[in-house]
C-alpha atoms as a PDB file:
ATOM      1  CA  MET A   1       2.575  -5.193  12.600  1.00  0.00           C
ATOM      2  CA  HIS A   2      -0.613  -6.757  13.874  1.00  0.00           C
ATOM      3  CA  CYS A   3      -3.581  -8.115  11.925  1.00  0.00           C
ATOM      4  CA  LEU A   4      -6.887  -7.043  13.497  1.00  0.00           C
ATOM      5  CA  SER A   5      -9.259  -8.732  11.038  1.00  0.00           C
ATOM      6  CA  ARG A   6      -9.292 -10.167   7.557  1.00  0.00           C
ATOM      7  CA  SER A   7     -11.690 -11.438   4.943  1.00  0.00           C
ATOM      8  CA  THR A   8     -11.417 -12.133   1.217  1.00  0.00           C
ATOM      9  CA  LYS A   9     -11.984  -8.453   0.399  1.00  0.00           C
ATOM     10  CA  LYS A  10     -10.679  -6.559   3.436  1.00  0.00           C
ATOM     11  CA  LEU A  11      -7.741  -6.527   5.833  1.00  0.00           C
ATOM     12  CA  ASP A  12      -7.416  -4.374   8.963  1.00  0.00           C
ATOM     13  CA  ILE A  13      -3.942  -4.070  10.459  1.00  0.00           C
ATOM     14  CA  VAL A  14      -1.931  -1.872  12.791  1.00  0.00           C
ATOM     15  CA  THR A  15       1.649  -0.897  12.060  1.00  0.00           C
ATOM     16  CA  PHE A  16       3.638   0.380  15.025  1.00  0.00           C
ATOM     17  CA  SER A  17       6.507   2.158  13.281  1.00  0.00           C
ATOM     18  CA  GLU A  18       7.512   3.798  10.034  1.00  0.00           C
ATOM     19  CA  GLU A  19       9.552   0.675   9.248  1.00  0.00           C
ATOM     20  CA  GLU A  20       6.462  -1.519   9.531  1.00  0.00           C
ATOM     21  CA  THR A  21       4.420   0.829   7.342  1.00  0.00           C
ATOM     22  CA  TYR A  22       7.210   0.713   4.754  1.00  0.00           C
ATOM     23  CA  SER A  23       7.328  -3.092   5.052  1.00  0.00           C
ATOM     24  CA  LEU A  24       3.608  -3.267   4.344  1.00  0.00           C
ATOM     25  CA  GLY A  25       4.259  -1.440   1.087  1.00  0.00           C
ATOM     26  CA  TYR A  26       7.110  -3.826   0.312  1.00  0.00           C
ATOM     27  CA  PHE A  27       4.841  -6.843   0.826  1.00  0.00           C
ATOM     28  CA  ILE A  28       2.258  -5.293  -1.510  1.00  0.00           C
ATOM     29  CA  GLY A  29       4.952  -4.586  -4.100  1.00  0.00           C
ATOM     30  CA  LYS A  30       6.145  -8.207  -3.964  1.00  0.00           C
ATOM     31  CA  GLN A  31       2.667  -9.305  -5.050  1.00  0.00           C
ATOM     32  CA  ALA A  32       2.063  -6.491  -7.591  1.00  0.00           C
ATOM     33  CA  TYR A  33       1.123  -7.291 -11.173  1.00  0.00           C
ATOM     34  CA  PRO A  34       0.614  -5.295 -14.396  1.00  0.00           C
ATOM     35  CA  GLY A  35      -2.500  -3.123 -14.327  1.00  0.00           C
ATOM     36  CA  LEU A  36      -2.798  -3.047 -10.528  1.00  0.00           C
ATOM     37  CA  VAL A  37      -4.174   0.217  -9.106  1.00  0.00           C
ATOM     38  CA  ILE A  38      -3.412   1.200  -5.506  1.00  0.00           C
ATOM     39  CA  LEU A  39      -5.377   4.125  -4.078  1.00  0.00           C
ATOM     40  CA  LEU A  40      -3.986   5.645  -0.881  1.00  0.00           C
ATOM     41  CA  HIS A  41      -6.105   7.717   1.502  1.00  0.00           C
ATOM     42  CA  GLY A  42      -5.049   9.470   4.694  1.00  0.00           C
ATOM     43  CA  GLY A  43      -4.136  12.858   6.067  1.00  0.00           C
ATOM     44  CA  LEU A  44      -0.802  14.579   5.744  1.00  0.00           C
ATOM     45  CA  GLY A  45       2.042  12.579   7.277  1.00  0.00           C
ATOM     46  CA  MET A  46       0.067   9.338   7.641  1.00  0.00           C
ATOM     47  CA  GLY A  47       2.488   7.219   5.576  1.00  0.00           C
ATOM     48  CA  LYS A  48       1.139   7.190   2.022  1.00  0.00           C
ATOM     49  CA  THR A  49       4.584   7.910   0.590  1.00  0.00           C
ATOM     50  CA  LEU A  50       6.201   5.353   2.939  1.00  0.00           C
ATOM     51  CA  ILE A  51       3.904   2.646   1.590  1.00  0.00           C
ATOM     52  CA  THR A  52       4.674   3.771  -1.956  1.00  0.00           C
ATOM     53  CA  GLN A  53       8.406   3.664  -1.245  1.00  0.00           C
ATOM     54  CA  GLY A  54       8.028   0.096   0.014  1.00  0.00           C
ATOM     55  CA  ILE A  55       6.102  -0.865  -3.126  1.00  0.00           C
ATOM     56  CA  GLY A  56       8.775   0.786  -5.266  1.00  0.00           C
ATOM     57  CA  LYS A  57      11.588  -1.006  -3.425  1.00  0.00           C
ATOM     58  CA  ALA A  58       9.945  -4.381  -4.093  1.00  0.00           C
ATOM     59  CA  LEU A  59       9.715  -3.438  -7.774  1.00  0.00           C
ATOM     60  CA  GLY A  60      13.390  -2.411  -7.871  1.00  0.00           C
ATOM     61  CA  PHE A  61      13.092   1.379  -7.465  1.00  0.00           C
ATOM     62  CA  SER A  62      15.004   3.015  -4.627  1.00  0.00           C
ATOM     63  CA  LYS A  63      14.428   6.742  -5.123  1.00  0.00           C
ATOM     64  CA  ILE A  64      10.677   7.167  -4.724  1.00  0.00           C
ATOM     65  CA  LYS A  65       9.677  10.667  -3.629  1.00  0.00           C
ATOM     66  CA  SER A  66       6.230  12.170  -3.402  1.00  0.00           C
ATOM     67  CA  PRO A  67       5.461  13.860  -6.731  1.00  0.00           C
ATOM     68  CA  THR A  68       3.402  16.610  -5.075  1.00  0.00           C
ATOM     69  CA  PHE A  69       4.570  19.326  -7.470  1.00  0.00           C
ATOM     70  CA  VAL A  70       4.966  17.285 -10.670  1.00  0.00           C
ATOM     71  CA  LEU A  71       1.779  15.259  -9.916  1.00  0.00           C
ATOM     72  CA  VAL A  72       2.962  12.083 -11.686  1.00  0.00           C
ATOM     73  CA  ALA A  73       6.330  10.292 -11.572  1.00  0.00           C
ATOM     74  CA  GLU A  74       7.065   7.447 -13.953  1.00  0.00           C
ATOM     75  CA  HIS A  75       9.508   4.698 -12.970  1.00  0.00           C
ATOM     76  CA  SER A  76      10.535   2.375 -15.810  1.00  0.00           C
ATOM     77  CA  GLY A  77      11.541  -1.197 -15.128  1.00  0.00           C
ATOM     78  CA  GLU A  78      10.538  -4.808 -15.570  1.00  0.00           C
ATOM     79  CA  LEU A  79       7.228  -3.945 -13.905  1.00  0.00           C
ATOM     80  CA  PRO A  80       6.884  -0.171 -14.391  1.00  0.00           C
ATOM     81  CA  LEU A  81       5.396   2.078 -11.734  1.00  0.00           C
ATOM     82  CA  ILE A  82       3.382   5.280 -11.923  1.00  0.00           C
ATOM     83  CA  HIS A  83       3.286   7.264  -8.681  1.00  0.00           C
ATOM     84  CA  ALA A  84       0.805  10.128  -8.551  1.00  0.00           C
ATOM     85  CA  ASP A  85       0.010  12.624  -5.812  1.00  0.00           C
ATOM     86  CA  LEU A  86      -3.329  14.352  -6.331  1.00  0.00           C
ATOM     87  CA  TYR A  87      -3.132  16.577  -3.225  1.00  0.00           C
ATOM     88  CA  ARG A  88      -2.836  19.821  -5.208  1.00  0.00           C
ATOM     89  CA  LEU A  89      -5.718  19.110  -7.585  1.00  0.00           C
ATOM     90  CA  ASP A  90      -8.892  21.130  -7.173  1.00  0.00           C
ATOM     91  CA  SER A  91     -11.312  18.860  -9.020  1.00  0.00           C
ATOM     92  CA  HIS A  92     -11.826  15.300 -10.161  1.00  0.00           C
ATOM     93  CA  VAL A  93     -11.806  16.610 -13.752  1.00  0.00           C
ATOM     94  CA  GLU A  94      -8.110  17.444 -13.342  1.00  0.00           C
ATOM     95  CA  ALA A  95      -7.417  13.921 -12.046  1.00  0.00           C
ATOM     96  CA  ASP A  96      -9.319  12.349 -14.927  1.00  0.00           C
ATOM     97  CA  ALA A  97      -7.262  14.399 -17.386  1.00  0.00           C
ATOM     98  CA  LEU A  98      -4.080  12.616 -16.200  1.00  0.00           C
ATOM     99  CA  ASP A  99      -5.214   9.551 -18.215  1.00  0.00           C
ATOM    100  CA  PHE A 100      -4.366   6.870 -15.667  1.00  0.00           C
ATOM    101  CA  GLU A 101      -6.357   4.387 -17.749  1.00  0.00           C
ATOM    102  CA  ASN A 102      -3.630   4.497 -20.414  1.00  0.00           C
ATOM    103  CA  TYR A 103      -0.990   3.529 -17.817  1.00  0.00           C
ATOM    104  CA  ILE A 104      -3.206   0.715 -16.511  1.00  0.00           C
ATOM    105  CA  ASP A 105      -3.803  -0.611 -20.035  1.00  0.00           C
ATOM    106  CA  SER A 106      -0.034  -0.421 -20.687  1.00  0.00           C
ATOM    107  CA  GLY A 107       0.698  -2.723 -17.719  1.00  0.00           C
ATOM    108  CA  TYR A 108       1.946  -0.229 -15.143  1.00  0.00           C
ATOM    109  CA  VAL A 109       1.394  -0.564 -11.421  1.00  0.00           C
ATOM    110  CA  VAL A 110      -0.402   2.692 -10.610  1.00  0.00           C
ATOM    111  CA  VAL A 111      -0.112   4.126  -7.079  1.00  0.00           C
ATOM    112  CA  ILE A 112      -2.154   7.244  -6.335  1.00  0.00           C
ATOM    113  CA  GLU A 113      -1.830   9.270  -3.148  1.00  0.00           C
ATOM    114  CA  TRP A 114      -5.027  11.158  -2.280  1.00  0.00           C
ATOM    115  CA  GLY A 115      -6.869   8.553  -4.363  1.00  0.00           C
ATOM    116  CA  GLU A 116     -10.275   9.921  -3.368  1.00  0.00           C
ATOM    117  CA  ARG A 117      -9.676  12.784  -5.807  1.00  0.00           C
ATOM    118  CA  TRP A 118      -9.828  10.384  -8.765  1.00  0.00           C
ATOM    119  CA  HIS A 119     -13.527   9.746  -9.236  1.00  0.00           C
ATOM    120  CA  THR A 120     -13.294   7.338 -12.182  1.00  0.00           C
ATOM    121  CA  SER A 121     -10.967   4.781 -10.628  1.00  0.00           C
ATOM    122  CA  PRO A 122     -11.418   1.233 -11.947  1.00  0.00           C
ATOM    123  CA  LEU A 123     -13.686  -1.299 -10.280  1.00  0.00           C
ATOM    124  CA  ASN A 124     -11.282  -4.183 -10.893  1.00  0.00           C
ATOM    125  CA  ASN A 125      -7.644  -4.859  -9.964  1.00  0.00           C
ATOM    126  CA  THR A 126      -7.809  -2.149  -7.322  1.00  0.00           C
ATOM    127  CA  ILE A 127      -6.485  -1.944  -3.780  1.00  0.00           C
ATOM    128  CA  ASP A 128      -7.942   0.820  -1.652  1.00  0.00           C
ATOM    129  CA  ILE A 129      -5.820   1.661   1.423  1.00  0.00           C
ATOM    130  CA  THR A 130      -6.959   4.009   4.191  1.00  0.00           C
ATOM    131  CA  ILE A 131      -4.414   5.088   6.807  1.00  0.00           C
ATOM    132  CA  LYS A 132      -5.211   6.737  10.163  1.00  0.00           C
ATOM    133  CA  GLN A 133      -3.195   7.428  13.279  1.00  0.00           C
ATOM    134  CA  HIS A 134      -3.461   4.676  15.896  1.00  0.00           C
ATOM    135  CA  SER A 135      -4.028   5.853  19.483  1.00  0.00           C
ATOM    136  CA  ASN A 136      -1.506   8.348  20.834  1.00  0.00           C
ATOM    137  CA  ASN A 137       1.567   6.805  19.192  1.00  0.00           C
ATOM    138  CA  GLU A 138       2.701   9.231  16.500  1.00  0.00           C
ATOM    139  CA  TYR A 139       4.147   6.407  14.348  1.00  0.00           C
ATOM    140  CA  ALA A 140       1.445   3.739  14.769  1.00  0.00           C
ATOM    141  CA  ARG A 141      -1.176   3.479  12.025  1.00  0.00           C
ATOM    142  CA  ASP A 142      -4.543   1.806  11.627  1.00  0.00           C
ATOM    143  CA  ILE A 143      -4.601   0.617   8.037  1.00  0.00           C
ATOM    144  CA  THR A 144      -7.620  -0.751   6.201  1.00  0.00           C
ATOM    145  CA  ILE A 145      -7.026  -2.465   2.877  1.00  0.00           C
ATOM    146  CA  LYS A 146     -10.009  -3.191   0.633  1.00  0.00           C
ATOM    147  CA  VAL A 147      -9.770  -4.909  -2.732  1.00  0.00           C
ATOM    148  CA  LEU A 148     -11.862  -5.024  -5.894  1.00  0.00           C
ATOM    149  CA  GLY A 149     -11.485  -7.853  -8.379  1.00  0.00           C
ATOM    150  CA  GLU A 150     -10.318 -11.450  -8.280  1.00  0.00           C
ATOM    151  CA  SER A 151      -6.638 -10.691  -8.914  1.00  0.00           C
ATOM    152  CA  ALA A 152      -6.655  -8.107  -6.121  1.00  0.00           C
ATOM    153  CA  GLU A 153      -8.326 -10.637  -3.814  1.00  0.00           C
ATOM    154  CA  ASN A 154      -5.518 -13.096  -4.582  1.00  0.00           C
ATOM    155  CA  LEU A 155      -2.979 -10.372  -3.780  1.00  0.00           C
ATOM    156  CA  LEU A 156      -4.735  -9.697  -0.466  1.00  0.00           C
ATOM    157  CA  ARG A 157      -4.615 -13.401   0.412  1.00  0.00           C
ATOM    158  CA  GLU A 158      -0.841 -13.489  -0.262  1.00  0.00           C
ATOM    159  CA  LEU A 159      -0.364 -10.231   1.655  1.00  0.00           C
ATOM    160  CA  SER A 160      -2.190 -11.716   4.654  1.00  0.00           C
ATOM    161  CA  CYS A 161       0.167 -14.710   4.561  1.00  0.00           C
ATOM    162  CA  ASP A 162       3.229 -12.418   4.439  1.00  0.00           C
ATOM    163  CA  ILE A 163       1.957 -10.417   7.418  1.00  0.00           C
ATOM    164  CA  MET A 164       1.140 -13.539   9.419  1.00  0.00           C
ATOM    165  CA  GLU A 165       4.595 -14.958   8.642  1.00  0.00           C
ATOM    166  CA  LEU A 166       6.267 -11.731   9.801  1.00  0.00           C
ATOM    167  CA  THR A 167       4.181 -11.679  12.979  1.00  0.00           C
ATOM    168  CA  CYS A 168       5.076 -15.288  13.777  1.00  0.00           C
ATOM    169  CA  GLU A 169       8.794 -14.594  13.173  1.00  0.00           C
ATOM    170  CA  LYS A 170       8.693 -11.671  15.618  1.00  0.00           C
ATOM    171  CA  GLU A 171       6.899 -13.769  18.223  1.00  0.00           C
ATOM    172  CA  ASP A 172       9.470 -16.566  17.793  1.00  0.00           C
ATOM    173  CA  LYS A 173      12.316 -14.108  18.420  1.00  0.00           C
ATOM    174  CA  HIS A 174      10.731 -13.135  21.737  1.00  0.00           C
ATOM    175  CA  GLU A 175      10.437 -16.744  22.900  1.00  0.00           C
ATOM    176  CA  SER A 176      13.355 -18.106  24.830  1.00  0.00           C
ATOM    177  CA  SER A 177      14.355 -21.356  26.486  1.00  0.00           C
ATOM    178  CA  GLY A 178      13.539 -19.728  29.849  1.00  0.00           C
ATOM    179  CA  ASN A 179       9.930 -19.151  28.846  1.00  0.00           C
ATOM    180  CA  ARG A 180       7.450 -21.112  31.000  1.00  0.00           C
ATOM    181  CA  LEU A 181       5.889 -22.567  27.872  1.00  0.00           C
ATOM    182  CA  TYR A 182       9.094 -24.520  27.288  1.00  0.00           C
ATOM    183  CA  ASP A 183       9.735 -25.533  30.920  1.00  0.00           C
END
């Protein structure tokens, strides 16, 4: 995982494997709080469900599957999770009818794949994640994370720290006593 750029409201990273994309979700899940909305955008097979599975794992849920046919899956726990997949919806009216606001008000973490199909998403406590393929590597992803609201900005700051820590750990593993920097 590599951080390309970051600010208080935006983070651009590259993940180089499915494991790293999953880990990104896990880091987000570690920082999740009641009422958080996570909107996922990206084509088929880009890793939206992988990120959601990572979020779910951090919240204590191990069997997260894409709810493409049921549209919404509810996971009850200490911090409950709603996972929605709006791929099959034909209009934003159908998405609005799913009453995500009720889940948000009830303290759920709400993760929505194909988030662009929900036109009345909140303007606070929201993380907007766009995933695209990176270069010619079929598993590498360019991921842009934008946040709305002070709590989401705090989450992004913590997420940046987690990513930087992971990056430093990986670099440390590649250093050795035979490295010229140590000679």
